Amino acid sequence: MTDESPQYRVAHIRRALAEDPRTAEMGVRVNVRGDHVHLSGEVATEQRRTELEQVLAEVAPDVSVNNDVRVADTREPARREELR
């Protein structure tokens, strides 16, 4: 990335992740420290998680990425929940 401020980098990355049709993610948190980007949050699929890194590599190829984005568990519950 260039010598832009960390706030600008975060905004630039968030916008890219939200506008790219592969990701279209608004809920992923982005934290920038120097040339290091940390992603966190939750997405629906493993493919979406991988695509976040791909989009980031295209818009900011000179940063290292720590992708802590989790894949949501969308399976049916193993047993019924009892309400008391």
N, C-alpha and C. Protein backbone atom coordinates (compact mmCIF):
# COMPACT_ATOMS: atom_id res chain seq x y z
N MET A 1 0.84 -1.18 0.00
CA MET A 1 0.00 0.00 0.00
C MET A 1 0.88 1.24 0.00
N THR A 2 0.29 2.33 -0.27
CA THR A 2 1.04 3.58 -0.32
C THR A 2 1.18 4.17 1.07
N ASP A 3 1.59 5.41 1.15
CA ASP A 3 1.78 6.08 2.43
C ASP A 3 0.50 6.71 2.95
N GLU A 4 -0.65 6.14 2.63
CA GLU A 4 -1.91 6.68 3.11
C GLU A 4 -2.10 6.37 4.59
N SER A 5 -2.99 7.10 5.24
CA SER A 5 -3.22 6.90 6.67
C SER A 5 -3.90 5.56 6.91
N PRO A 6 -3.74 5.01 8.12
CA PRO A 6 -4.40 3.73 8.42
C PRO A 6 -5.92 3.80 8.26
N GLN A 7 -6.52 4.93 8.62
CA GLN A 7 -7.97 5.07 8.49
C GLN A 7 -8.39 5.00 7.03
N TYR A 8 -7.60 5.60 6.15
CA TYR A 8 -7.91 5.57 4.73
C TYR A 8 -7.74 4.14 4.20
N ARG A 9 -6.70 3.45 4.64
CA ARG A 9 -6.49 2.07 4.20
C ARG A 9 -7.66 1.19 4.61
N VAL A 10 -8.10 1.33 5.86
CA VAL A 10 -9.24 0.55 6.34
C VAL A 10 -10.47 0.84 5.49
N ALA A 11 -10.76 2.10 5.24
CA ALA A 11 -11.92 2.48 4.43
C ALA A 11 -11.81 1.92 3.01
N HIS A 12 -10.62 2.00 2.43
CA HIS A 12 -10.38 1.50 1.08
C HIS A 12 -10.62 -0.02 1.01
N ILE A 13 -10.11 -0.74 1.99
CA ILE A 13 -10.26 -2.20 2.02
C ILE A 13 -11.71 -2.58 2.28
N ARG A 14 -12.36 -1.92 3.24
CA ARG A 14 -13.77 -2.22 3.53
C ARG A 14 -14.64 -2.00 2.30
N ARG A 15 -14.38 -0.91 1.60
CA ARG A 15 -15.15 -0.61 0.41
C ARG A 15 -14.94 -1.67 -0.67
N ALA A 16 -13.71 -2.09 -0.86
CA ALA A 16 -13.41 -3.13 -1.84
C ALA A 16 -14.12 -4.43 -1.49
N LEU A 17 -14.10 -4.82 -0.22
CA LEU A 17 -14.75 -6.06 0.20
C LEU A 17 -16.26 -5.97 0.07
N ALA A 18 -16.82 -4.78 0.29
CA ALA A 18 -18.27 -4.61 0.19
C ALA A 18 -18.73 -4.54 -1.27
N GLU A 19 -17.93 -3.94 -2.14
CA GLU A 19 -18.37 -3.72 -3.52
C GLU A 19 -18.02 -4.84 -4.49
N ASP A 20 -17.03 -5.65 -4.15
CA ASP A 20 -16.66 -6.74 -5.07
C ASP A 20 -17.76 -7.81 -5.03
N PRO A 21 -18.26 -8.23 -6.19
CA PRO A 21 -19.35 -9.22 -6.20
C PRO A 21 -18.95 -10.59 -5.63
N ARG A 22 -17.67 -10.88 -5.58
CA ARG A 22 -17.23 -12.16 -5.00
C ARG A 22 -17.40 -12.18 -3.50
N THR A 23 -17.30 -11.02 -2.89
CA THR A 23 -17.36 -10.97 -1.43
C THR A 23 -18.62 -10.27 -0.93
N ALA A 24 -18.88 -9.08 -1.38
CA ALA A 24 -20.06 -8.30 -0.95
C ALA A 24 -20.26 -8.38 0.56
N GLU A 25 -19.18 -8.21 1.30
CA GLU A 25 -19.21 -8.34 2.75
C GLU A 25 -19.15 -6.99 3.44
N MET A 26 -20.16 -6.73 4.25
CA MET A 26 -20.19 -5.50 5.05
C MET A 26 -19.80 -5.76 6.50
N GLY A 27 -19.89 -7.01 6.95
CA GLY A 27 -19.70 -7.32 8.35
C GLY A 27 -18.31 -7.76 8.74
N VAL A 28 -17.38 -7.78 7.81
CA VAL A 28 -16.01 -8.18 8.14
C VAL A 28 -15.27 -6.99 8.71
N ARG A 29 -14.64 -7.20 9.85
CA ARG A 29 -13.87 -6.12 10.48
C ARG A 29 -12.46 -6.10 9.91
N VAL A 30 -11.97 -4.90 9.67
CA VAL A 30 -10.64 -4.70 9.09
C VAL A 30 -9.82 -3.85 10.05
N ASN A 31 -8.63 -4.32 10.39
CA ASN A 31 -7.72 -3.57 11.24
C ASN A 31 -6.38 -3.50 10.52
N VAL A 32 -5.83 -2.30 10.40
CA VAL A 32 -4.56 -2.10 9.69
C VAL A 32 -3.52 -1.59 10.67
N ARG A 33 -2.37 -2.26 10.66
CA ARG A 33 -1.20 -1.80 11.43
C ARG A 33 -0.01 -1.85 10.48
N GLY A 34 0.42 -0.70 10.01
CA GLY A 34 1.53 -0.65 9.06
C GLY A 34 1.17 -1.39 7.79
N ASP A 35 1.96 -2.39 7.44
CA ASP A 35 1.70 -3.18 6.24
C ASP A 35 1.06 -4.52 6.58
N HIS A 36 0.34 -4.56 7.68
CA HIS A 36 -0.32 -5.79 8.11
C HIS A 36 -1.82 -5.52 8.24
N VAL A 37 -2.63 -6.40 7.64
CA VAL A 37 -4.09 -6.28 7.70
C VAL A 37 -4.65 -7.49 8.44
N HIS A 38 -5.50 -7.22 9.41
CA HIS A 38 -6.16 -8.28 10.18
C HIS A 38 -7.65 -8.25 9.85
N LEU A 39 -8.17 -9.38 9.36
CA LEU A 39 -9.59 -9.53 9.07
C LEU A 39 -10.23 -10.39 10.14
N SER A 40 -11.41 -10.01 10.60
CA SER A 40 -12.14 -10.82 11.57
C SER A 40 -13.64 -10.67 11.30
N GLY A 41 -14.39 -11.60 11.85
CA GLY A 41 -15.83 -11.60 11.65
C GLY A 41 -16.30 -12.98 11.26
N GLU A 42 -17.43 -13.03 10.55
CA GLU A 42 -18.02 -14.31 10.19
C GLU A 42 -18.63 -14.22 8.80
N VAL A 43 -18.44 -15.27 8.02
CA VAL A 43 -19.02 -15.37 6.68
C VAL A 43 -19.75 -16.70 6.55
N ALA A 44 -20.51 -16.86 5.47
CA ALA A 44 -21.36 -18.04 5.30
C ALA A 44 -20.61 -19.28 4.83
N THR A 45 -19.55 -19.10 4.03
CA THR A 45 -18.88 -20.27 3.44
C THR A 45 -17.37 -20.13 3.47
N GLU A 46 -16.68 -21.26 3.36
CA GLU A 46 -15.22 -21.25 3.27
C GLU A 46 -14.76 -20.55 2.00
N GLN A 47 -15.52 -20.70 0.92
CA GLN A 47 -15.18 -20.03 -0.35
C GLN A 47 -15.19 -18.52 -0.17
N ARG A 48 -16.19 -18.00 0.54
CA ARG A 48 -16.27 -16.56 0.78
C ARG A 48 -15.07 -16.09 1.59
N ARG A 49 -14.66 -16.88 2.57
CA ARG A 49 -13.49 -16.55 3.39
C ARG A 49 -12.24 -16.46 2.52
N THR A 50 -12.07 -17.41 1.61
CA THR A 50 -10.92 -17.41 0.69
C THR A 50 -10.99 -16.22 -0.26
N GLU A 51 -12.18 -15.90 -0.73
CA GLU A 51 -12.35 -14.79 -1.66
C GLU A 51 -12.02 -13.45 -1.01
N LEU A 52 -12.21 -13.33 0.29
CA LEU A 52 -11.81 -12.11 1.00
C LEU A 52 -10.32 -11.86 0.81
N GLU A 53 -9.53 -12.92 0.97
CA GLU A 53 -8.08 -12.79 0.79
C GLU A 53 -7.72 -12.46 -0.65
N GLN A 54 -8.44 -13.05 -1.61
CA GLN A 54 -8.17 -12.79 -3.02
C GLN A 54 -8.43 -11.33 -3.36
N VAL A 55 -9.55 -10.80 -2.91
CA VAL A 55 -9.87 -9.40 -3.18
C VAL A 55 -8.85 -8.49 -2.51
N LEU A 56 -8.50 -8.81 -1.28
CA LEU A 56 -7.50 -8.01 -0.56
C LEU A 56 -6.16 -8.03 -1.28
N ALA A 57 -5.76 -9.18 -1.81
CA ALA A 57 -4.50 -9.28 -2.54
C ALA A 57 -4.52 -8.42 -3.80
N GLU A 58 -5.68 -8.25 -4.41
CA GLU A 58 -5.80 -7.42 -5.61
C GLU A 58 -5.74 -5.93 -5.28
N VAL A 59 -6.39 -5.51 -4.20
CA VAL A 59 -6.43 -4.08 -3.87
C VAL A 59 -5.24 -3.63 -3.04
N ALA A 60 -4.59 -4.57 -2.35
CA ALA A 60 -3.44 -4.22 -1.50
C ALA A 60 -2.42 -5.36 -1.56
N PRO A 61 -1.75 -5.52 -2.69
CA PRO A 61 -0.84 -6.67 -2.86
C PRO A 61 0.40 -6.62 -1.98
N ASP A 62 0.71 -5.48 -1.41
CA ASP A 62 1.94 -5.34 -0.64
C ASP A 62 1.76 -5.49 0.87
N VAL A 63 0.61 -6.00 1.32
CA VAL A 63 0.39 -6.18 2.75
C VAL A 63 0.36 -7.66 3.11
N SER A 64 0.68 -7.95 4.36
CA SER A 64 0.49 -9.31 4.86
C SER A 64 -0.88 -9.38 5.50
N VAL A 65 -1.50 -10.55 5.43
CA VAL A 65 -2.88 -10.70 5.87
C VAL A 65 -2.98 -11.75 6.97
N ASN A 66 -3.70 -11.41 8.03
CA ASN A 66 -4.06 -12.36 9.06
C ASN A 66 -5.58 -12.51 8.96
N ASN A 67 -6.04 -13.62 8.40
CA ASN A 67 -7.46 -13.83 8.17
C ASN A 67 -8.04 -14.68 9.29
N ASP A 68 -8.67 -14.02 10.27
CA ASP A 68 -9.33 -14.71 11.37
C ASP A 68 -10.84 -14.77 11.19
N VAL A 69 -11.29 -14.65 9.95
CA VAL A 69 -12.72 -14.72 9.66
C VAL A 69 -13.18 -16.17 9.85
N ARG A 70 -14.26 -16.34 10.59
CA ARG A 70 -14.83 -17.67 10.84
C ARG A 70 -15.94 -17.96 9.84
N VAL A 71 -16.15 -19.26 9.59
CA VAL A 71 -17.26 -19.69 8.74
C VAL A 71 -18.41 -20.05 9.67
N ALA A 72 -19.57 -19.47 9.41
CA ALA A 72 -20.75 -19.70 10.27
C ALA A 72 -21.19 -21.15 10.19
N ASP A 73 -21.60 -21.68 11.31
CA ASP A 73 -22.13 -23.03 11.37
C ASP A 73 -23.61 -22.96 11.03
N THR A 74 -23.98 -23.43 9.84
CA THR A 74 -25.36 -23.35 9.39
C THR A 74 -26.05 -24.70 9.40
N ARG A 75 -25.44 -25.68 10.06
CA ARG A 75 -26.06 -27.00 10.14
C ARG A 75 -27.26 -26.98 11.07
N GLU A 76 -28.15 -27.95 10.84
CA GLU A 76 -29.29 -28.13 11.73
C GLU A 76 -28.79 -28.52 13.11
N PRO A 77 -29.46 -28.11 14.16
CA PRO A 77 -29.04 -28.54 15.50
C PRO A 77 -29.10 -30.06 15.61
N ALA A 78 -28.20 -30.64 16.39
CA ALA A 78 -28.16 -32.09 16.55
C ALA A 78 -29.36 -32.60 17.35
N ARG A 79 -29.87 -31.76 18.23
CA ARG A 79 -31.04 -32.17 19.01
C ARG A 79 -31.95 -30.97 19.20
N ARG A 80 -33.17 -31.24 19.64
CA ARG A 80 -34.13 -30.19 19.84
C ARG A 80 -33.76 -29.36 21.06
N GLU A 81 -34.02 -28.10 20.95
CA GLU A 81 -33.78 -27.21 22.08
C GLU A 81 -35.04 -27.19 22.95
N GLU A 82 -34.86 -27.35 24.23
CA GLU A 82 -35.98 -27.33 25.14
C GLU A 82 -36.07 -25.98 25.83
N LEU A 83 -37.22 -25.35 25.71
CA LEU A 83 -37.45 -24.07 26.38
C LEU A 83 -38.17 -24.32 27.69
N ARG A 84 -37.72 -23.68 28.73
CA ARG A 84 -38.34 -23.87 30.05
C ARG A 84 -38.89 -22.59 30.57
